[in-house]
Structures are given as structure tokens and as C-alpha cells.
Protein backbone atom coordinates (compact mmCIF):
# COMPACT_ATOMS: atom_id res chain seq x y z
CA MET A 1 112.34 99.15 105.25
CA LYS A 2 114.23 102.03 106.82
CA ILE A 3 113.83 105.40 105.11
CA ALA A 4 115.88 108.53 105.79
CA ILE A 5 114.48 111.89 104.75
CA ILE A 6 116.82 114.85 104.71
CA GLY A 7 114.92 118.13 104.75
CA GLY A 8 111.85 118.99 106.78
CA GLY A 9 110.34 121.66 104.55
CA ASN A 10 107.13 121.41 102.54
CA MET A 11 108.15 118.32 100.56
CA GLY A 12 110.09 116.53 103.29
CA GLY A 13 107.32 117.22 105.78
CA ALA A 14 104.68 115.97 103.34
CA ILE A 15 106.60 112.72 102.86
CA VAL A 16 106.93 112.18 106.60
CA ARG A 17 103.23 112.84 107.22
CA GLY A 18 102.14 110.67 104.30
CA LEU A 19 104.36 107.72 105.20
CA ALA A 20 103.54 107.92 108.91
CA ALA A 21 99.84 107.69 108.04
CA SER A 22 100.27 104.89 105.49
CA THR A 23 100.20 101.14 105.93
CA GLY A 24 103.27 98.94 105.62
CA ILE A 25 105.72 101.50 106.98
CA THR A 26 105.75 102.26 110.69
CA PRO A 27 106.90 105.59 112.15
CA ALA A 28 109.90 103.74 113.62
CA ASP A 29 111.07 103.08 110.03
CA ILE A 30 111.27 106.82 109.29
CA ALA A 31 114.27 109.02 110.10
CA LEU A 32 114.01 112.77 109.50
CA SER A 33 116.88 115.21 109.49
CA SER A 34 116.76 118.99 109.38
CA PRO A 35 119.24 121.62 110.58
CA ARG A 36 116.44 123.34 112.54
CA GLN A 37 115.58 121.71 115.84
CA ASN A 38 112.14 123.34 115.92
CA THR A 39 111.32 121.77 112.53
CA VAL A 40 112.11 118.20 113.59
CA ASP A 41 110.42 118.73 116.95
CA ALA A 42 107.21 119.89 115.27
CA LEU A 43 107.14 116.90 112.91
CA ALA A 44 107.98 114.49 115.73
CA GLU A 45 105.01 115.83 117.69
CA GLU A 46 102.79 115.53 114.63
CA CYS A 47 104.06 112.03 113.73
CA PRO A 48 104.89 110.24 117.01
CA GLY A 49 107.46 107.46 116.75
CA ILE A 50 109.65 108.82 113.96
CA SER A 51 113.36 109.33 114.61
CA THR A 52 114.61 112.90 114.26
CA PHE A 53 118.08 114.31 113.80
CA THR A 54 119.86 117.55 113.11
CA ASP A 55 122.87 115.54 111.88
CA ASN A 56 122.37 114.22 108.32
CA LYS A 57 125.14 111.65 108.71
CA ALA A 58 123.44 110.09 111.71
CA ALA A 59 120.04 110.09 110.00
CA ILE A 60 121.15 107.98 107.02
CA LYS A 61 122.70 105.18 109.08
CA ASP A 62 121.04 101.83 108.25
CA ALA A 63 118.53 103.41 105.84
CA GLU A 64 117.80 101.47 102.65
CA VAL A 65 116.52 104.58 100.87
CA ILE A 66 117.85 108.11 101.41
CA ILE A 67 115.45 110.83 100.23
CA LEU A 68 116.99 114.25 99.67
CA ALA A 69 114.10 116.70 100.03
CA VAL A 70 116.24 119.81 99.74
CA LYS A 71 116.44 122.81 97.40
CA PRO A 72 118.53 122.40 94.22
CA TRP A 73 121.20 124.82 95.42
CA VAL A 74 121.51 122.94 98.72
CA LEU A 75 121.83 119.46 97.17
CA PRO A 76 125.57 119.61 96.30
CA SER A 77 126.62 120.51 99.85
CA VAL A 78 124.32 117.85 101.36
CA LEU A 79 125.68 115.16 99.05
CA ASP A 80 129.23 116.22 99.80
CA GLU A 81 128.47 115.98 103.52
CA ILE A 82 126.89 112.52 103.53
CA ALA A 83 128.67 110.80 100.62
CA PRO A 84 131.56 109.42 102.72
CA TYR A 85 128.99 107.72 104.96
CA ILE A 86 126.75 106.21 102.26
CA ALA A 87 126.89 102.44 101.68
CA PHE A 88 126.40 102.80 97.92
CA ARG A 89 125.82 99.11 97.25
CA SER A 90 122.90 98.88 99.67
CA GLN A 91 121.51 102.42 99.93
CA SER A 92 119.52 104.10 97.15
CA ILE A 93 119.70 107.88 96.80
CA VAL A 94 116.54 109.74 95.82
CA SER A 95 116.64 113.44 94.92
CA LEU A 96 113.59 115.70 94.88
CA ALA A 97 115.65 118.67 93.68
CA ALA A 98 114.08 120.05 90.50
CA GLY A 99 116.45 120.66 87.62
CA ILE A 100 119.29 118.48 88.98
CA SER A 101 119.81 115.65 86.50
CA LEU A 102 120.97 112.12 87.20
CA ASP A 103 124.24 112.96 85.45
CA ASP A 104 124.63 116.01 87.70
CA MET A 105 124.18 113.82 90.77
CA SER A 106 126.57 111.22 89.37
CA ASP A 107 129.22 113.88 88.85
CA MET A 108 128.78 115.10 92.43
CA LEU A 109 129.38 111.56 93.72
CA ARG A 110 132.02 110.40 91.22
CA ARG A 111 134.95 110.56 93.62
CA TYR A 112 133.10 108.44 96.18
CA SER A 113 131.69 105.60 94.09
CA THR A 114 130.76 104.59 90.54
CA ASP A 115 128.42 101.79 91.64
CA ARG A 116 125.29 103.51 92.91
CA SER A 117 121.51 103.63 92.51
CA LEU A 118 120.37 107.18 91.82
CA PHE A 119 116.79 108.36 91.44
CA ARG A 120 115.06 111.61 90.58
CA VAL A 121 111.55 111.91 91.97
CA ILE A 122 109.03 114.67 91.34
CA PRO A 123 105.97 114.46 93.63
CA ASN A 124 103.54 117.14 94.74
CA THR A 125 102.43 118.28 98.17
CA ALA A 126 99.30 116.08 98.09
CA MET A 127 101.67 113.39 99.42
CA SER A 128 100.64 114.45 102.89
CA VAL A 129 97.10 113.18 102.23
CA GLY A 130 98.15 110.18 100.11
CA GLU A 131 97.08 111.71 96.79
CA SER A 132 100.29 112.81 95.05
CA MET A 133 101.02 112.18 91.39
CA THR A 134 104.69 111.25 91.56
CA PHE A 135 107.19 110.66 88.75
CA VAL A 136 110.35 108.58 89.04
CA CYS A 137 113.39 108.14 86.81
CA HIS A 138 116.68 106.40 87.57
CA ASN A 139 120.16 105.56 86.29
CA ASP A 140 119.53 101.94 85.32
CA ALA A 141 119.03 100.96 88.94
CA GLY A 142 118.25 97.32 89.64
CA ALA A 143 114.67 96.12 89.67
CA GLU A 144 114.72 95.54 93.43
CA CYS A 145 115.86 99.11 94.10
CA VAL A 146 113.27 100.52 91.70
CA ASP A 147 110.52 98.50 93.39
CA LYS A 148 111.55 99.85 96.81
CA VAL A 149 111.50 103.48 95.69
CA VAL A 150 108.25 103.12 93.74
CA GLY A 151 106.75 101.26 96.71
CA ILE A 152 107.48 104.23 98.99
CA PHE A 153 105.77 106.74 96.73
CA ASP A 154 102.90 104.38 95.90
CA ARG A 155 101.95 104.81 99.55
CA LEU A 156 101.66 108.55 98.92
CA GLY A 157 99.43 108.42 95.83
CA ALA A 158 99.96 107.38 92.21
CA THR A 159 103.46 106.76 90.82
CA ALA A 160 104.81 106.53 87.27
CA VAL A 161 108.33 105.57 86.17
CA ILE A 162 109.27 107.68 83.14
CA GLU A 163 112.29 108.61 81.03
CA GLU A 164 114.36 111.45 82.42
CA ARG A 165 113.79 113.55 79.29
CA LEU A 166 110.09 113.76 80.26
CA MET A 167 110.66 114.97 83.82
CA GLY A 168 110.34 118.65 82.88
CA ALA A 169 106.94 118.14 81.30
CA ALA A 170 105.79 115.91 84.18
CA THR A 171 106.94 118.51 86.72
CA ALA A 172 105.00 121.28 84.98
CA LEU A 173 101.88 119.14 84.63
CA CYS A 174 101.63 117.69 88.12
CA SER A 175 104.09 119.26 90.57
CA CYS A 176 103.51 122.83 89.41
CA GLY A 177 100.09 121.68 88.26
CA ILE A 178 98.72 121.30 91.77
CA ALA A 179 99.24 125.05 92.20
CA TYR A 180 97.45 125.68 88.90
CA ALA A 181 94.51 123.60 90.10
CA MET A 182 94.44 125.59 93.34
CA ARG A 183 94.43 128.81 91.34
CA TYR A 184 91.37 127.61 89.42
CA VAL A 185 89.60 126.88 92.72
CA ARG A 186 90.49 130.34 93.97
CA ALA A 187 89.35 132.05 90.77
CA ALA A 188 86.09 130.08 90.68
CA THR A 189 85.46 130.96 94.32
CA GLU A 190 85.98 134.66 93.62
CA GLY A 191 83.57 134.48 90.69
CA ALA A 192 80.99 132.67 92.79
CA VAL A 193 81.23 135.28 95.53
CA GLU A 194 80.62 138.01 92.96
CA LEU A 195 77.51 136.08 91.91
CA GLY A 196 76.24 136.04 95.48
CA LEU A 197 77.47 132.82 97.11
CA TYR A 198 79.29 132.79 100.43
CA PRO A 199 83.03 131.89 100.07
CA ASP A 200 82.96 128.78 102.25
CA LYS A 201 79.92 127.38 100.46
CA ALA A 202 81.35 128.27 97.04
CA ARG A 203 84.54 126.36 97.86
CA GLU A 204 82.52 123.37 99.11
CA TYR A 205 80.46 123.32 95.89
CA ILE A 206 83.53 123.72 93.64
CA LEU A 207 85.41 120.87 95.31
CA ALA A 208 82.40 118.58 94.96
CA THR A 209 82.11 119.51 91.29
CA LEU A 210 85.79 118.80 90.64
CA LYS A 211 85.51 115.42 92.39
CA GLY A 212 82.55 114.62 90.14
CA ALA A 213 84.46 115.62 87.01
CA VAL A 214 87.39 113.41 87.96
CA ALA A 215 85.09 110.50 88.81
CA LEU A 216 83.35 110.79 85.43
CA LEU A 217 86.59 110.75 83.48
CA GLU A 218 87.96 107.84 85.51
CA ALA A 219 84.76 105.82 85.19
CA THR A 220 84.19 106.38 81.48
CA GLY A 221 87.70 106.83 80.10
CA ASN A 222 86.21 109.49 77.84
CA ASN A 223 88.02 112.43 76.34
CA PRO A 224 87.03 115.55 78.32
CA GLU A 225 85.38 116.98 75.21
CA THR A 226 82.92 114.08 75.20
CA GLU A 227 81.74 115.01 78.68
CA ILE A 228 81.74 118.72 77.81
CA ASP A 229 79.48 118.04 74.83
CA LYS A 230 76.92 116.45 77.16
CA VAL A 231 76.36 119.76 78.98
CA THR A 232 76.75 122.27 76.14
CA THR A 233 73.30 122.48 74.60
CA PRO A 234 72.83 124.79 71.59
CA GLY A 235 72.28 128.34 72.77
CA GLY A 236 72.74 127.22 76.38
CA ILE A 237 74.50 128.92 79.24
CA THR A 238 77.44 126.47 79.45
CA ILE A 239 78.65 127.07 75.89
CA LYS A 240 78.35 130.82 76.46
CA GLY A 241 80.53 130.52 79.55
CA LEU A 242 83.09 128.30 77.80
CA ASN A 243 83.31 130.61 74.79
CA THR A 244 83.77 133.62 77.04
CA MET A 245 86.56 131.86 78.95
CA GLU A 246 88.27 130.96 75.66
CA ALA A 247 87.91 134.56 74.44
CA HIS A 248 89.86 135.57 77.53
CA GLY A 249 92.59 133.02 76.82
CA PHE A 250 91.69 130.08 79.07
CA THR A 251 93.29 127.26 77.05
CA THR A 252 96.15 129.41 75.81
CA SER A 253 96.95 130.50 79.37
CA VAL A 254 97.07 126.90 80.58
CA VAL A 255 99.26 125.72 77.70
CA GLU A 256 101.63 128.68 77.93
CA GLY A 257 101.84 128.33 81.71
CA LEU A 258 102.86 124.68 81.39
CA LYS A 259 105.46 125.54 78.74
CA ALA A 260 106.85 128.33 80.90
CA SER A 261 107.23 125.91 83.81
CA CYS A 262 109.47 123.69 81.66
CA ARG A 263 111.91 126.44 80.76
């Protein structure tokens, strides 16, 4: 399956790296386009065998799936540029542009075709290591097209097909959420350093602890509170720490941050 990726920034680059390292898709199946020659050259050196272009129209030729990894304000001009060259019956269009709805995309393409398979996809940057949580919605695309798009992002982590009305919440939880998780790691590292641990060791210990927490929840299927109860003995240090975090707005900050990301 030939895949064209337009945009070599953080998201486009993560897709290229993730797919090039995955099984089932060879680098020769990947075409990358960016207006900056140094960007495509750097990714070509990092992922030998991919095809690179600075011409979007050339990049999409023969691709079954066209992934638009560009900023929302850039998407209209990119679509206007490539639309006359898209084979709408055989090429699926995937947008990573946050806030651009399927209807918005349909309106941008209306004068070119009314028979098209459009997708919105929200991944996160963990694609580059095959650990993204990616969400997909579409405009009643055929099952074969959906399977192709989901199959691409399954190679980059976990994928869920959801209703478009839920994309805002999913974006806040998992696309923005990876930054929130990083902020927790940073904050915990700073606290550990204040307590006397060296930064590199603190980070190592925190990452191992987070992996253990995830493994517990995956293995047991328990609500997090069940696992929390196991380590919060009466009068113990864990409950004191949790209560102090809550007094400083831990849960409220997380909830309000997620809500703010949806606005």
C-alpha cells in the first residue's frame, strides 16, 4: 500500500519514522512531501528508502492514502493545490488538522468531487515509537477504506474509530494528554530532586513506576481507585501525599485542563 504524507513537521515526521520502523509497510511505500528541502533530506537520511518531494502533487501520485499532516490554517491551500490531481474514487484523504471538521473538508473539495473518502485522525507524537493512541472518524467511507486507514495507524500504536462529535474530547485526553503526562514526569522529577535524588535517576525511577501502574491497570482491569486503596494505609504516608495534592487542586487541575483543551 502506497502512502503519501504531506508535511514533515512533528506529526508528519513521527508518522514517517513509525511506519518506516513497522512491519508490513516498506520505506519504498512511503512518500513524504515538505516545502523545505532540508526537512525531507533529514528524514530521508533517518529513514533510508522513502521517497521525498518538495512538490505535493508529485508526492500523491499512485498513493492509496494521502495523509495531510499540516497545520489547520495551511490545510485549505494544500487541498486546493492537490485536489485537481486526486483520484477521489481510489485515494482516501486523511487530515490531522485539529479543529477542521469533515464537513469543512467536504466544502473545500466540493467543486472537485462529491464522491470521496474523507478521514479525520488525531494521533499523538508517540507514533514515532509505535505507541500512539490514535482516533479516527470518517464521512461514511467504505469498509475497505476504513480498514486501510486504521491499518496504517494500528502500526503506530492503538487506534479507535469514534464519532466525530467525540473528537474534541479524544484530542484533549490523548493528543494534548501526552503533554500533560510529560508535565507530570517533569513535576515529579523536580520534587524528587528537592528530596535529594539526582535528576537522571529520578526520571528513571518515575518512568518505571508509571510503566508498573499501567501494567497493573491493564492486567487487572481495576478502577484506579481500587489500586490506590491498596497502598493508602490509615495514617500512612501515601494518603497524606494524595490529600495534599488534592488540597492543591490536582484532580480539579486535570479536569479543567482537559475541558480547556476542548474549547
